[in-house]
Amino acid sequence: GLRPRPYPGKPALEKLARLAESAKAPDERVSSPPINVVFEKGPNAANVVQPACTLCGDCCSGCNVGAKTTVAMSYLPDAVNHGAHVFTELDVDHVRKDAGGWKVMFAPTRTGPQAFGETLRAVSAGIVVLAGGSLGSTEILLRSRANGLAVSDRIGTCFTGNGDVLAFAYNNDRAVGGIGVGHPAKRGVTPPGPCIAGAIDLRHRGRLEDGIIIEEGVIPSGLAPNLPPLLSTGASLIGTDTVRGIASADTLREGERRSRSWALGAYFGAVHNTQTYLVMAHDDAGGRLALDDGALRLDWQGVAGQDVYKRIERTLIAATAATGGTYIRNPLQSTAIIGKT
């Protein structure tokens, strides 16, 4: 019932034009993947009336108008239509077998003073479906095992990040318009369009495990004020300028665009000319989730050093060179992931 559809193509988006230029590096064309955004007002499959997308680009931080077909717009209303009751601000601690089926143990969401000494409550059910995502569902199952539930010893193993990569082609030669404009839109700024309106699909080359898909992203408007210093500093410290030459005309133009962003903001100059890359691929699924003092912990030694990420980086540098920008990899990327969630 999600009814995804591709971006209809009008109005034309600058970020898609730049992505098409990047696609020439691997000799590919830009495809338009189906996305869960509605472009015409009307009822969806759950009979929820959704307004049309305003192209504001704030998809990643939460749709401003309700045009993104999220769980709140689809599965939850449909469940209510079929008699379900929805309860919010509750944390599921664990589940356990009961004579009549299952007991779901929960407490009010752990925030503020009420988090201390909260007694678990229970609700009974004949069938329980855990749908808390890869992290949430695993955490509940691990706590359930700690409370005596017989589950597989494999719970928490083989965690994968889908080979995800976030990177940027900063300060390209031409405008990208890849920053969200909010709702109502900032005056005088052209909306960027929805996130992932286009992709460079490299999954058909060679082995399945070597497949890569590069999607364009949009940075939410709430982050716009911080982007000129962040991206400029990132380019200086970890960036790869794909246009060679010292004191060239291109270097001077890049400096001018940087200054415009610093002086006028993210909708001008270098940041306005920045493309966001979202990549999915195949990692080794070597992550391990475990409980650490009651909190979920992810251990994944050396994950960023895998060959897949080196291959992705070479591909993205070539894609950035096609638009004359500076490649910036995710500054949070490290060679190991060890931390609580």
C-alpha atoms as a PDB file:
ATOM      1  CA  GLY A   1       0.000   0.000   0.000  1.00  0.00           C
ATOM      2  CA  LEU A   2       2.875   2.513  -0.161  1.00  0.00           C
ATOM      3  CA  ARG A   3       2.449   3.146  -3.900  1.00  0.00           C
ATOM      4  CA  PRO A   4       5.956   4.561  -4.535  1.00  0.00           C
ATOM      5  CA  ARG A   5       6.547   6.458  -7.755  1.00  0.00           C
ATOM      6  CA  PRO A   6       9.480   8.264  -9.368  1.00  0.00           C
ATOM      7  CA  TYR A   7       9.843  12.026  -9.339  1.00  0.00           C
ATOM      8  CA  PRO A   8       7.700  13.158 -12.299  1.00  0.00           C
ATOM      9  CA  GLY A   9      10.508  15.247 -13.813  1.00  0.00           C
ATOM     10  CA  LYS A  10       8.914  18.685 -13.652  1.00  0.00           C
ATOM     11  CA  PRO A  11      10.079  21.139 -12.666  1.00  0.00           C
ATOM     12  CA  ALA A  12      13.615  20.261 -13.720  1.00  0.00           C
ATOM     13  CA  LEU A  13      16.017  20.018 -10.773  1.00  0.00           C
ATOM     14  CA  GLU A  14      19.578  21.347 -10.827  1.00  0.00           C
ATOM     15  CA  LYS A  15      20.820  18.545  -8.606  1.00  0.00           C
ATOM     16  CA  LEU A  16      19.655  15.972 -11.154  1.00  0.00           C
ATOM     17  CA  ALA A  17      21.446  17.821 -13.955  1.00  0.00           C
ATOM     18  CA  ARG A  18      24.673  17.693 -11.924  1.00  0.00           C
ATOM     19  CA  LEU A  19      24.115  14.010 -11.128  1.00  0.00           C
ATOM     20  CA  ALA A  20      23.775  13.340 -14.851  1.00  0.00           C
ATOM     21  CA  GLU A  21      27.174  14.966 -15.359  1.00  0.00           C
ATOM     22  CA  SER A  22      28.643  12.767 -12.620  1.00  0.00           C
ATOM     23  CA  ALA A  23      27.126   9.675 -14.241  1.00  0.00           C
ATOM     24  CA  LYS A  24      29.321  10.209 -17.289  1.00  0.00           C
ATOM     25  CA  ALA A  25      32.366   9.168 -15.232  1.00  0.00           C
ATOM     26  CA  PRO A  26      31.262   5.524 -14.967  1.00  0.00           C
ATOM     27  CA  ASP A  27      29.530   5.795 -18.372  1.00  0.00           C
ATOM     28  CA  GLU A  28      26.051   5.432 -16.929  1.00  0.00           C
ATOM     29  CA  ARG A  29      22.761   7.320 -17.006  1.00  0.00           C
ATOM     30  CA  VAL A  30      20.713   8.684 -14.130  1.00  0.00           C
ATOM     31  CA  SER A  31      17.672   6.620 -13.201  1.00  0.00           C
ATOM     32  CA  SER A  32      14.605   7.814 -11.306  1.00  0.00           C
ATOM     33  CA  PRO A  33      13.925   5.391  -8.446  1.00  0.00           C
ATOM     34  CA  PRO A  34      10.387   5.118  -7.059  1.00  0.00           C
ATOM     35  CA  ILE A  35      10.123   7.051  -3.799  1.00  0.00           C
ATOM     36  CA  ASN A  36       7.405   7.183  -1.152  1.00  0.00           C
ATOM     37  CA  VAL A  37       6.425  10.794  -1.801  1.00  0.00           C
ATOM     38  CA  VAL A  38       3.123  11.953  -3.300  1.00  0.00           C
ATOM     39  CA  PHE A  39       3.130  14.670  -5.944  1.00  0.00           C
ATOM     40  CA  GLU A  40      -0.649  15.064  -6.210  1.00  0.00           C
ATOM     41  CA  LYS A  41      -3.016  15.623  -3.289  1.00  0.00           C
ATOM     42  CA  GLY A  42      -5.342  12.758  -2.521  1.00  0.00           C
ATOM     43  CA  PRO A  43      -6.128   9.758  -0.289  1.00  0.00           C
ATOM     44  CA  ASN A  44      -3.532   7.014   0.013  1.00  0.00           C
ATOM     45  CA  ALA A  45      -4.110   3.275   0.445  1.00  0.00           C
ATOM     46  CA  ALA A  46      -4.891   3.817   4.161  1.00  0.00           C
ATOM     47  CA  ASN A  47      -7.454   6.497   3.209  1.00  0.00           C
ATOM     48  CA  VAL A  48      -5.286   9.274   4.650  1.00  0.00           C
ATOM     49  CA  VAL A  49      -5.433  12.419   2.514  1.00  0.00           C
ATOM     50  CA  GLN A  50      -1.883  13.536   1.777  1.00  0.00           C
ATOM     51  CA  PRO A  51      -1.023  16.959   0.325  1.00  0.00           C
ATOM     52  CA  ALA A  52       1.275  17.221  -2.672  1.00  0.00           C
ATOM     53  CA  CYS A  53       5.030  17.546  -2.186  1.00  0.00           C
ATOM     54  CA  THR A  54       6.194  21.176  -2.120  1.00  0.00           C
ATOM     55  CA  LEU A  55       9.711  20.136  -3.267  1.00  0.00           C
ATOM     56  CA  CYS A  56      11.154  21.776  -0.119  1.00  0.00           C
ATOM     57  CA  GLY A  57      13.805  19.053   0.247  1.00  0.00           C
ATOM     58  CA  ASP A  58      13.477  18.537   4.004  1.00  0.00           C
ATOM     59  CA  CYS A  59      12.615  14.839   3.594  1.00  0.00           C
ATOM     60  CA  CYS A  60      15.439  13.595   5.863  1.00  0.00           C
ATOM     61  CA  SER A  61      14.483  15.735   8.847  1.00  0.00           C
ATOM     62  CA  GLY A  62      10.762  15.012   8.551  1.00  0.00           C
ATOM     63  CA  CYS A  63       8.294  16.064   5.881  1.00  0.00           C
ATOM     64  CA  ASN A  64       6.886  19.531   6.601  1.00  0.00           C
ATOM     65  CA  VAL A  65       3.541  18.976   4.881  1.00  0.00           C
ATOM     66  CA  GLY A  66       2.718  15.251   5.106  1.00  0.00           C
ATOM     67  CA  ALA A  67       3.571  14.362   1.509  1.00  0.00           C
ATOM     68  CA  LYS A  68       6.065  11.675   2.543  1.00  0.00           C
ATOM     69  CA  THR A  69       4.341   8.317   2.932  1.00  0.00           C
ATOM     70  CA  THR A  70       5.810   7.335   6.276  1.00  0.00           C
ATOM     71  CA  VAL A  71       4.579   4.692   8.730  1.00  0.00           C
ATOM     72  CA  ALA A  72       2.479   7.416  10.369  1.00  0.00           C
ATOM     73  CA  MET A  73       0.739   8.030   7.047  1.00  0.00           C
ATOM     74  CA  SER A  74       0.240   4.419   6.010  1.00  0.00           C
ATOM     75  CA  TYR A  75       0.628   1.331   8.199  1.00  0.00           C
ATOM     76  CA  LEU A  76      -0.425   2.869  11.523  1.00  0.00           C
ATOM     77  CA  PRO A  77      -3.646   4.482  10.200  1.00  0.00           C
ATOM     78  CA  ASP A  78      -4.416   1.270   8.320  1.00  0.00           C
ATOM     79  CA  ALA A  79      -3.949  -0.728  11.525  1.00  0.00           C
ATOM     80  CA  VAL A  80      -6.323   1.642  13.364  1.00  0.00           C
ATOM     81  CA  ASN A  81      -8.832   1.278  10.516  1.00  0.00           C
ATOM     82  CA  HIS A  82      -8.776  -2.461  11.215  1.00  0.00           C
ATOM     83  CA  GLY A  83      -9.323  -2.122  14.971  1.00  0.00           C
ATOM     84  CA  ALA A  84      -5.809  -1.684  16.362  1.00  0.00           C
ATOM     85  CA  HIS A  85      -5.048   0.627  19.290  1.00  0.00           C
ATOM     86  CA  VAL A  86      -1.866   2.728  19.190  1.00  0.00           C
ATOM     87  CA  PHE A  87      -0.011   3.752  22.348  1.00  0.00           C
ATOM     88  CA  THR A  88       2.856   6.236  22.369  1.00  0.00           C
ATOM     89  CA  GLU A  89       5.603   7.352  24.786  1.00  0.00           C
ATOM     90  CA  LEU A  90       6.181   3.771  25.967  1.00  0.00           C
ATOM     91  CA  ASP A  91       9.366   1.701  25.823  1.00  0.00           C
ATOM     92  CA  VAL A  92       9.154  -2.062  25.353  1.00  0.00           C
ATOM     93  CA  ASP A  93      11.669  -3.726  27.675  1.00  0.00           C
ATOM     94  CA  HIS A  94      11.245  -7.382  26.755  1.00  0.00           C
ATOM     95  CA  VAL A  95       8.724 -10.047  25.812  1.00  0.00           C
ATOM     96  CA  ARG A  96       8.098 -13.399  27.449  1.00  0.00           C
ATOM     97  CA  LYS A  97       5.969 -16.475  26.901  1.00  0.00           C
ATOM     98  CA  ASP A  98       2.681 -16.633  28.746  1.00  0.00           C
ATOM     99  CA  ALA A  99       0.108 -19.378  29.171  1.00  0.00           C
ATOM    100  CA  GLY A 100      -2.225 -17.638  26.764  1.00  0.00           C
ATOM    101  CA  GLY A 101       0.445 -16.459  24.358  1.00  0.00           C
ATOM    102  CA  TRP A 102       2.774 -13.558  25.191  1.00  0.00           C
ATOM    103  CA  LYS A 103       3.368 -10.764  27.648  1.00  0.00           C
ATOM    104  CA  VAL A 104       4.937  -7.527  26.446  1.00  0.00           C
ATOM    105  CA  MET A 105       6.750  -5.789  29.304  1.00  0.00           C
ATOM    106  CA  PHE A 106       6.941  -1.998  28.996  1.00  0.00           C
ATOM    107  CA  ALA A 107       7.429   1.251  30.886  1.00  0.00           C
ATOM    108  CA  PRO A 108       6.874   4.945  30.090  1.00  0.00           C
ATOM    109  CA  THR A 109       9.594   6.380  27.866  1.00  0.00           C
ATOM    110  CA  ARG A 110      12.732   6.875  29.955  1.00  0.00           C
ATOM    111  CA  THR A 111      13.186  10.633  29.996  1.00  0.00           C
ATOM    112  CA  GLY A 112      13.375  12.988  32.929  1.00  0.00           C
ATOM    113  CA  PRO A 113      12.915  12.167  36.627  1.00  0.00           C
ATOM    114  CA  GLN A 114      10.228   9.574  35.934  1.00  0.00           C
ATOM    115  CA  ALA A 115      12.867   7.303  34.404  1.00  0.00           C
ATOM    116  CA  PHE A 116      14.165   6.254  37.842  1.00  0.00           C
ATOM    117  CA  GLY A 117      12.593   3.307  39.601  1.00  0.00           C
ATOM    118  CA  GLU A 118       9.875   2.816  36.994  1.00  0.00           C
ATOM    119  CA  THR A 119       8.013  -0.476  37.463  1.00  0.00           C
ATOM    120  CA  LEU A 120       7.461  -2.553  34.352  1.00  0.00           C
ATOM    121  CA  ARG A 121       3.895  -3.085  33.262  1.00  0.00           C
ATOM    122  CA  ALA A 122       2.538  -5.792  30.973  1.00  0.00           C
ATOM    123  CA  VAL A 123       0.042  -6.289  28.203  1.00  0.00           C
ATOM    124  CA  SER A 124      -0.999  -9.740  26.959  1.00  0.00           C
ATOM    125  CA  ALA A 125      -1.279 -10.777  23.319  1.00  0.00           C
ATOM    126  CA  GLY A 126      -1.774 -13.932  21.327  1.00  0.00           C
ATOM    127  CA  ILE A 127       0.647 -12.777  18.628  1.00  0.00           C
ATOM    128  CA  VAL A 128       3.524 -10.309  18.960  1.00  0.00           C
ATOM    129  CA  VAL A 129       5.275  -8.714  15.977  1.00  0.00           C
ATOM    130  CA  LEU A 130       8.500  -6.860  16.760  1.00  0.00           C
ATOM    131  CA  ALA A 131       8.965  -3.988  14.310  1.00  0.00           C
ATOM    132  CA  GLY A 132      11.510  -1.762  16.033  1.00  0.00           C
ATOM    133  CA  GLY A 133      14.060  -1.793  13.242  1.00  0.00           C
ATOM    134  CA  SER A 134      17.344  -3.695  13.224  1.00  0.00           C
ATOM    135  CA  LEU A 135      18.523  -1.958  16.414  1.00  0.00           C
ATOM    136  CA  GLY A 136      15.275  -1.769  18.383  1.00  0.00           C
ATOM    137  CA  SER A 137      14.027  -5.278  17.651  1.00  0.00           C
ATOM    138  CA  THR A 138      17.443  -6.814  18.363  1.00  0.00           C
ATOM    139  CA  GLU A 139      17.703  -4.923  21.656  1.00  0.00           C
ATOM    140  CA  ILE A 140      14.291  -6.224  22.752  1.00  0.00           C
ATOM    141  CA  LEU A 141      15.208  -9.792  21.775  1.00  0.00           C
ATOM    142  CA  LEU A 142      18.524  -9.614  23.634  1.00  0.00           C
ATOM    143  CA  ARG A 143      16.796  -8.355  26.786  1.00  0.00           C
ATOM    144  CA  SER A 144      14.126 -11.030  26.339  1.00  0.00           C
ATOM    145  CA  ARG A 145      16.834 -13.687  26.208  1.00  0.00           C
ATOM    146  CA  ALA A 146      18.396 -12.225  29.369  1.00  0.00           C
ATOM    147  CA  ASN A 147      14.956 -12.645  30.977  1.00  0.00           C
ATOM    148  CA  GLY A 148      14.713 -16.316  30.024  1.00  0.00           C
ATOM    149  CA  LEU A 149      13.216 -16.358  26.515  1.00  0.00           C
ATOM    150  CA  ALA A 150      14.660 -19.138  24.340  1.00  0.00           C
ATOM    151  CA  VAL A 151      15.965 -17.469  21.182  1.00  0.00           C
ATOM    152  CA  SER A 152      18.772 -18.239  18.760  1.00  0.00           C
ATOM    153  CA  ASP A 153      22.376 -17.639  19.769  1.00  0.00           C
ATOM    154  CA  ARG A 154      22.727 -15.830  16.437  1.00  0.00           C
ATOM    155  CA  ILE A 155      20.642 -12.869  17.651  1.00  0.00           C
ATOM    156  CA  GLY A 156      22.820  -9.762  17.319  1.00  0.00           C
ATOM    157  CA  THR A 157      25.317 -11.249  14.861  1.00  0.00           C
ATOM    158  CA  CYS A 158      25.782 -10.471  11.155  1.00  0.00           C
ATOM    159  CA  PHE A 159      24.760  -6.834  11.533  1.00  0.00           C
ATOM    160  CA  THR A 160      25.163  -4.849   8.307  1.00  0.00           C
ATOM    161  CA  GLY A 161      25.085  -1.145   7.555  1.00  0.00           C
ATOM    162  CA  ASN A 162      24.070  -1.826   3.926  1.00  0.00           C
ATOM    163  CA  GLY A 163      27.480  -0.565   2.860  1.00  0.00           C
ATOM    164  CA  ASP A 164      26.108   2.948   3.407  1.00  0.00           C
ATOM    165  CA  VAL A 165      28.299   5.973   2.660  1.00  0.00           C
ATOM    166  CA  LEU A 166      27.574   9.686   3.038  1.00  0.00           C
ATOM    167  CA  ALA A 167      29.874  12.011   1.088  1.00  0.00           C
ATOM    168  CA  PHE A 168      29.901  15.378  -0.664  1.00  0.00           C
ATOM    169  CA  ALA A 169      31.012  16.930  -3.947  1.00  0.00           C
ATOM    170  CA  TYR A 170      31.748  20.394  -2.558  1.00  0.00           C
ATOM    171  CA  ASN A 171      32.068  23.651  -4.485  1.00  0.00           C
ATOM    172  CA  ASN A 172      31.328  22.315  -7.958  1.00  0.00           C
ATOM    173  CA  ASP A 173      31.653  24.494 -11.043  1.00  0.00           C
ATOM    174  CA  ARG A 174      27.883  24.811 -11.443  1.00  0.00           C
ATOM    175  CA  ALA A 175      24.882  25.182  -9.126  1.00  0.00           C
ATOM    176  CA  VAL A 176      23.378  22.093  -7.472  1.00  0.00           C
ATOM    177  CA  GLY A 177      20.683  23.547  -5.221  1.00  0.00           C
ATOM    178  CA  GLY A 178      20.896  20.621  -2.811  1.00  0.00           C
ATOM    179  CA  ILE A 179      19.888  22.363   0.428  1.00  0.00           C
ATOM    180  CA  GLY A 180      16.351  22.166   1.787  1.00  0.00           C
ATOM    181  CA  VAL A 181      14.371  25.411   1.878  1.00  0.00           C
ATOM    182  CA  GLY A 182      11.788  24.615   4.574  1.00  0.00           C
ATOM    183  CA  HIS A 183       8.044  25.274   4.548  1.00  0.00           C
ATOM    184  CA  PRO A 184       7.042  27.880   3.732  1.00  0.00           C
ATOM    185  CA  ALA A 185      10.030  28.102   1.433  1.00  0.00           C
ATOM    186  CA  LYS A 186      12.706  30.686   2.034  1.00  0.00           C
ATOM    187  CA  ARG A 187      12.059  33.660  -0.234  1.00  0.00           C
ATOM    188  CA  GLY A 188      14.059  33.866  -3.425  1.00  0.00           C
ATOM    189  CA  VAL A 189      15.402  30.304  -3.169  1.00  0.00           C
ATOM    190  CA  THR A 190      14.439  27.616  -5.683  1.00  0.00           C
ATOM    191  CA  PRO A 191      13.243  24.424  -3.933  1.00  0.00           C
ATOM    192  CA  PRO A 192      15.657  21.504  -4.462  1.00  0.00           C
ATOM    193  CA  GLY A 193      13.050  18.782  -4.865  1.00  0.00           C
ATOM    194  CA  PRO A 194      12.653  15.549  -2.870  1.00  0.00           C
ATOM    195  CA  CYS A 195      15.589  13.548  -1.582  1.00  0.00           C
ATOM    196  CA  ILE A 196      16.747  10.713  -3.872  1.00  0.00           C
ATOM    197  CA  ALA A 197      14.967  11.886  -6.994  1.00  0.00           C
ATOM    198  CA  GLY A 198      17.824  10.391  -9.011  1.00  0.00           C
ATOM    199  CA  ALA A 199      20.440   7.643  -8.801  1.00  0.00           C
ATOM    200  CA  ILE A 200      23.429   6.210 -10.631  1.00  0.00           C
ATOM    201  CA  ASP A 201      22.867   2.461 -10.515  1.00  0.00           C
ATOM    202  CA  LEU A 202      26.050   0.376 -10.781  1.00  0.00           C
ATOM    203  CA  ARG A 203      24.605  -2.840  -9.388  1.00  0.00           C
ATOM    204  CA  HIS A 204      24.538  -4.677 -12.694  1.00  0.00           C
ATOM    205  CA  ARG A 205      28.334  -4.722 -13.064  1.00  0.00           C
ATOM    206  CA  GLY A 206      30.158  -7.911 -12.136  1.00  0.00           C
ATOM    207  CA  ARG A 207      29.370  -9.813  -8.953  1.00  0.00           C
ATOM    208  CA  LEU A 208      26.293  -9.059  -6.871  1.00  0.00           C
ATOM    209  CA  GLU A 209      28.533  -8.356  -3.863  1.00  0.00           C
ATOM    210  CA  ASP A 210      30.331  -5.614  -5.797  1.00  0.00           C
ATOM    211  CA  GLY A 211      27.167  -3.690  -6.639  1.00  0.00           C
ATOM    212  CA  ILE A 212      26.967   0.035  -5.806  1.00  0.00           C
ATOM    213  CA  ILE A 213      24.130   2.522  -6.158  1.00  0.00           C
ATOM    214  CA  ILE A 214      24.815   6.264  -5.825  1.00  0.00           C
ATOM    215  CA  GLU A 215      21.859   8.457  -4.886  1.00  0.00           C
ATOM    216  CA  GLU A 216      21.666  12.223  -4.640  1.00  0.00           C
ATOM    217  CA  GLY A 217      20.657  13.630  -1.278  1.00  0.00           C
ATOM    218  CA  VAL A 218      19.330  16.905   0.102  1.00  0.00           C
ATOM    219  CA  ILE A 219      20.650  18.483   3.314  1.00  0.00           C
ATOM    220  CA  PRO A 220      17.722  19.648   5.516  1.00  0.00           C
ATOM    221  CA  SER A 221      17.175  23.391   5.873  1.00  0.00           C
ATOM    222  CA  GLY A 222      17.701  23.240   9.634  1.00  0.00           C
ATOM    223  CA  LEU A 223      21.396  22.553   9.042  1.00  0.00           C
ATOM    224  CA  ALA A 224      21.853  25.349   6.481  1.00  0.00           C
ATOM    225  CA  PRO A 225      23.366  27.968   8.829  1.00  0.00           C
ATOM    226  CA  ASN A 226      26.154  25.562   9.849  1.00  0.00           C
ATOM    227  CA  LEU A 227      27.102  24.358   6.374  1.00  0.00           C
ATOM    228  CA  PRO A 228      29.485  27.104   5.114  1.00  0.00           C
ATOM    229  CA  PRO A 229      32.022  26.637   7.952  1.00  0.00           C
ATOM    230  CA  LEU A 230      31.546  22.853   8.191  1.00  0.00           C
ATOM    231  CA  LEU A 231      32.018  22.085   4.506  1.00  0.00           C
ATOM    232  CA  SER A 232      34.772  24.649   4.007  1.00  0.00           C
ATOM    233  CA  THR A 233      36.728  23.217   6.947  1.00  0.00           C
ATOM    234  CA  GLY A 234      36.073  19.659   5.803  1.00  0.00           C
ATOM    235  CA  ALA A 235      37.346  20.474   2.321  1.00  0.00           C
ATOM    236  CA  SER A 236      40.533  21.957   3.781  1.00  0.00           C
ATOM    237  CA  LEU A 237      41.226  19.077   6.180  1.00  0.00           C
ATOM    238  CA  ILE A 238      40.055  15.917   4.401  1.00  0.00           C
ATOM    239  CA  GLY A 239      38.926  17.087   0.951  1.00  0.00           C
ATOM    240  CA  THR A 240      40.293  15.931  -2.401  1.00  0.00           C
ATOM    241  CA  ASP A 241      40.265  18.720  -5.000  1.00  0.00           C
ATOM    242  CA  THR A 242      39.621  16.953  -8.283  1.00  0.00           C
ATOM    243  CA  VAL A 243      40.821  19.909 -10.380  1.00  0.00           C
ATOM    244  CA  ARG A 244      44.626  20.042 -10.385  1.00  0.00           C
ATOM    245  CA  GLY A 245      46.732  23.151 -10.673  1.00  0.00           C
ATOM    246  CA  ILE A 246      48.244  25.812  -8.430  1.00  0.00           C
ATOM    247  CA  ALA A 247      46.826  29.332  -8.445  1.00  0.00           C
ATOM    248  CA  SER A 248      44.753  28.457 -11.491  1.00  0.00           C
ATOM    249  CA  ALA A 249      41.667  30.322 -12.612  1.00  0.00           C
ATOM    250  CA  ASP A 250      39.609  27.467 -11.183  1.00  0.00           C
ATOM    251  CA  THR A 251      41.257  27.934  -7.776  1.00  0.00           C
ATOM    252  CA  LEU A 252      40.344  31.610  -7.815  1.00  0.00           C
ATOM    253  CA  ARG A 253      36.720  30.858  -8.719  1.00  0.00           C
ATOM    254  CA  GLU A 254      36.525  28.246  -5.956  1.00  0.00           C
ATOM    255  CA  GLY A 255      37.769  30.834  -3.460  1.00  0.00           C
ATOM    256  CA  GLU A 256      35.187  33.349  -4.620  1.00  0.00           C
ATOM    257  CA  ARG A 257      32.375  30.820  -4.193  1.00  0.00           C
ATOM    258  CA  ARG A 258      33.613  29.910  -0.717  1.00  0.00           C
ATOM    259  CA  SER A 259      33.568  33.584   0.261  1.00  0.00           C
ATOM    260  CA  ARG A 260      30.015  33.992  -1.050  1.00  0.00           C
ATOM    261  CA  SER A 261      28.816  31.100   1.125  1.00  0.00           C
ATOM    262  CA  TRP A 262      30.540  32.510   4.201  1.00  0.00           C
ATOM    263  CA  ALA A 263      29.106  35.976   3.574  1.00  0.00           C
ATOM    264  CA  LEU A 264      25.623  35.177   2.235  1.00  0.00           C
ATOM    265  CA  GLY A 265      24.858  31.689   3.540  1.00  0.00           C
ATOM    266  CA  ALA A 266      24.311  28.161   2.266  1.00  0.00           C
ATOM    267  CA  TYR A 267      22.052  29.164  -0.647  1.00  0.00           C
ATOM    268  CA  PHE A 268      24.916  30.944  -2.376  1.00  0.00           C
ATOM    269  CA  GLY A 269      28.379  30.102  -3.633  1.00  0.00           C
ATOM    270  CA  ALA A 270      30.280  26.946  -2.704  1.00  0.00           C
ATOM    271  CA  VAL A 271      27.562  25.316  -0.582  1.00  0.00           C
ATOM    272  CA  HIS A 272      24.894  26.028  -3.195  1.00  0.00           C
ATOM    273  CA  ASN A 273      27.197  24.200  -5.616  1.00  0.00           C
ATOM    274  CA  THR A 274      27.500  21.110  -3.390  1.00  0.00           C
ATOM    275  CA  GLN A 275      26.100  17.684  -4.205  1.00  0.00           C
ATOM    276  CA  THR A 276      25.323  15.188  -1.440  1.00  0.00           C
ATOM    277  CA  TYR A 277      26.020  11.537  -2.237  1.00  0.00           C
ATOM    278  CA  LEU A 278      24.166   8.690  -0.536  1.00  0.00           C
ATOM    279  CA  VAL A 279      25.633   5.296  -1.413  1.00  0.00           C
ATOM    280  CA  MET A 280      24.459   1.760  -0.715  1.00  0.00           C
ATOM    281  CA  ALA A 281      26.551  -1.323  -1.326  1.00  0.00           C
ATOM    282  CA  HIS A 282      27.520  -4.611   0.371  1.00  0.00           C
ATOM    283  CA  ASP A 283      29.739  -4.745   3.445  1.00  0.00           C
ATOM    284  CA  ASP A 284      30.853  -7.966   5.192  1.00  0.00           C
ATOM    285  CA  ALA A 285      27.925  -7.968   7.667  1.00  0.00           C
ATOM    286  CA  GLY A 286      30.449  -8.386  10.460  1.00  0.00           C
ATOM    287  CA  GLY A 287      28.848  -6.163  13.067  1.00  0.00           C
ATOM    288  CA  ARG A 288      27.839  -7.600  16.428  1.00  0.00           C
ATOM    289  CA  LEU A 289      25.128  -6.189  18.688  1.00  0.00           C
ATOM    290  CA  ALA A 290      25.160  -6.985  22.389  1.00  0.00           C
ATOM    291  CA  LEU A 291      23.863  -5.586  25.663  1.00  0.00           C
ATOM    292  CA  ASP A 292      26.302  -3.525  27.702  1.00  0.00           C
ATOM    293  CA  ASP A 293      24.944  -2.516  31.107  1.00  0.00           C
ATOM    294  CA  GLY A 294      21.433  -2.631  29.698  1.00  0.00           C
ATOM    295  CA  ALA A 295      22.196  -0.540  26.601  1.00  0.00           C
ATOM    296  CA  LEU A 296      22.696  -1.826  23.076  1.00  0.00           C
ATOM    297  CA  ARG A 297      26.339  -1.877  21.947  1.00  0.00           C
ATOM    298  CA  LEU A 298      27.660  -2.285  18.399  1.00  0.00           C
ATOM    299  CA  ASP A 299      31.153  -3.721  17.899  1.00  0.00           C
ATOM    300  CA  TRP A 300      32.597  -3.780  14.384  1.00  0.00           C
ATOM    301  CA  GLN A 301      36.370  -3.599  14.204  1.00  0.00           C
ATOM    302  CA  GLY A 302      37.956  -2.228  11.031  1.00  0.00           C
ATOM    303  CA  VAL A 303      34.679  -1.792   9.164  1.00  0.00           C
ATOM    304  CA  ALA A 304      35.712   1.367   7.256  1.00  0.00           C
ATOM    305  CA  GLY A 305      38.867  -0.318   6.005  1.00  0.00           C
ATOM    306  CA  GLN A 306      36.962  -2.852   3.923  1.00  0.00           C
ATOM    307  CA  ASP A 307      37.646  -2.945   0.187  1.00  0.00           C
ATOM    308  CA  VAL A 308      34.073  -1.948  -0.641  1.00  0.00           C
ATOM    309  CA  TYR A 309      34.594   1.513   0.869  1.00  0.00           C
ATOM    310  CA  LYS A 310      37.837   2.021  -1.018  1.00  0.00           C
ATOM    311  CA  ARG A 311      36.010   1.129  -4.238  1.00  0.00           C
ATOM    312  CA  ILE A 312      33.158   3.492  -3.388  1.00  0.00           C
ATOM    313  CA  GLU A 313      35.589   6.328  -2.674  1.00  0.00           C
ATOM    314  CA  ARG A 314      37.357   5.875  -6.025  1.00  0.00           C
ATOM    315  CA  THR A 315      33.988   5.947  -7.780  1.00  0.00           C
ATOM    316  CA  LEU A 316      32.843   9.084  -5.941  1.00  0.00           C
ATOM    317  CA  ILE A 317      36.094  10.932  -6.614  1.00  0.00           C
ATOM    318  CA  ALA A 318      35.621  10.252 -10.331  1.00  0.00           C
ATOM    319  CA  ALA A 319      31.982  11.398 -10.099  1.00  0.00           C
ATOM    320  CA  THR A 320      33.085  14.598  -8.341  1.00  0.00           C
ATOM    321  CA  ALA A 321      35.787  15.259 -10.935  1.00  0.00           C
ATOM    322  CA  ALA A 322      33.085  15.265 -13.609  1.00  0.00           C
ATOM    323  CA  THR A 323      31.499  18.325 -11.960  1.00  0.00           C
ATOM    324  CA  GLY A 324      34.775  20.028 -10.995  1.00  0.00           C
ATOM    325  CA  GLY A 325      34.300  19.834  -7.229  1.00  0.00           C
ATOM    326  CA  THR A 326      36.181  18.814  -4.109  1.00  0.00           C
ATOM    327  CA  TYR A 327      35.383  15.364  -2.770  1.00  0.00           C
ATOM    328  CA  ILE A 328      34.700  15.219   0.990  1.00  0.00           C
ATOM    329  CA  ARG A 329      34.137  11.874   2.620  1.00  0.00           C
ATOM    330  CA  ASN A 330      32.073  11.533   5.781  1.00  0.00           C
ATOM    331  CA  PRO A 331      34.245  13.015   8.561  1.00  0.00           C
ATOM    332  CA  LEU A 332      32.661  10.612  11.075  1.00  0.00           C
ATOM    333  CA  GLN A 333      33.873   7.589   9.113  1.00  0.00           C
ATOM    334  CA  SER A 334      36.471   5.651  11.085  1.00  0.00           C
ATOM    335  CA  THR A 335      38.253   2.331  10.864  1.00  0.00           C
ATOM    336  CA  ALA A 336      36.256   0.835  13.722  1.00  0.00           C
ATOM    337  CA  ILE A 337      32.791   1.180  15.163  1.00  0.00           C
ATOM    338  CA  ILE A 338      32.502   0.567  18.883  1.00  0.00           C
ATOM    339  CA  GLY A 339      29.728   2.313  20.729  1.00  0.00           C
ATOM    340  CA  LYS A 340      26.401   2.276  22.484  1.00  0.00           C
ATOM    341  CA  THR A 341      23.171   3.216  20.787  1.00  0.00           C
END
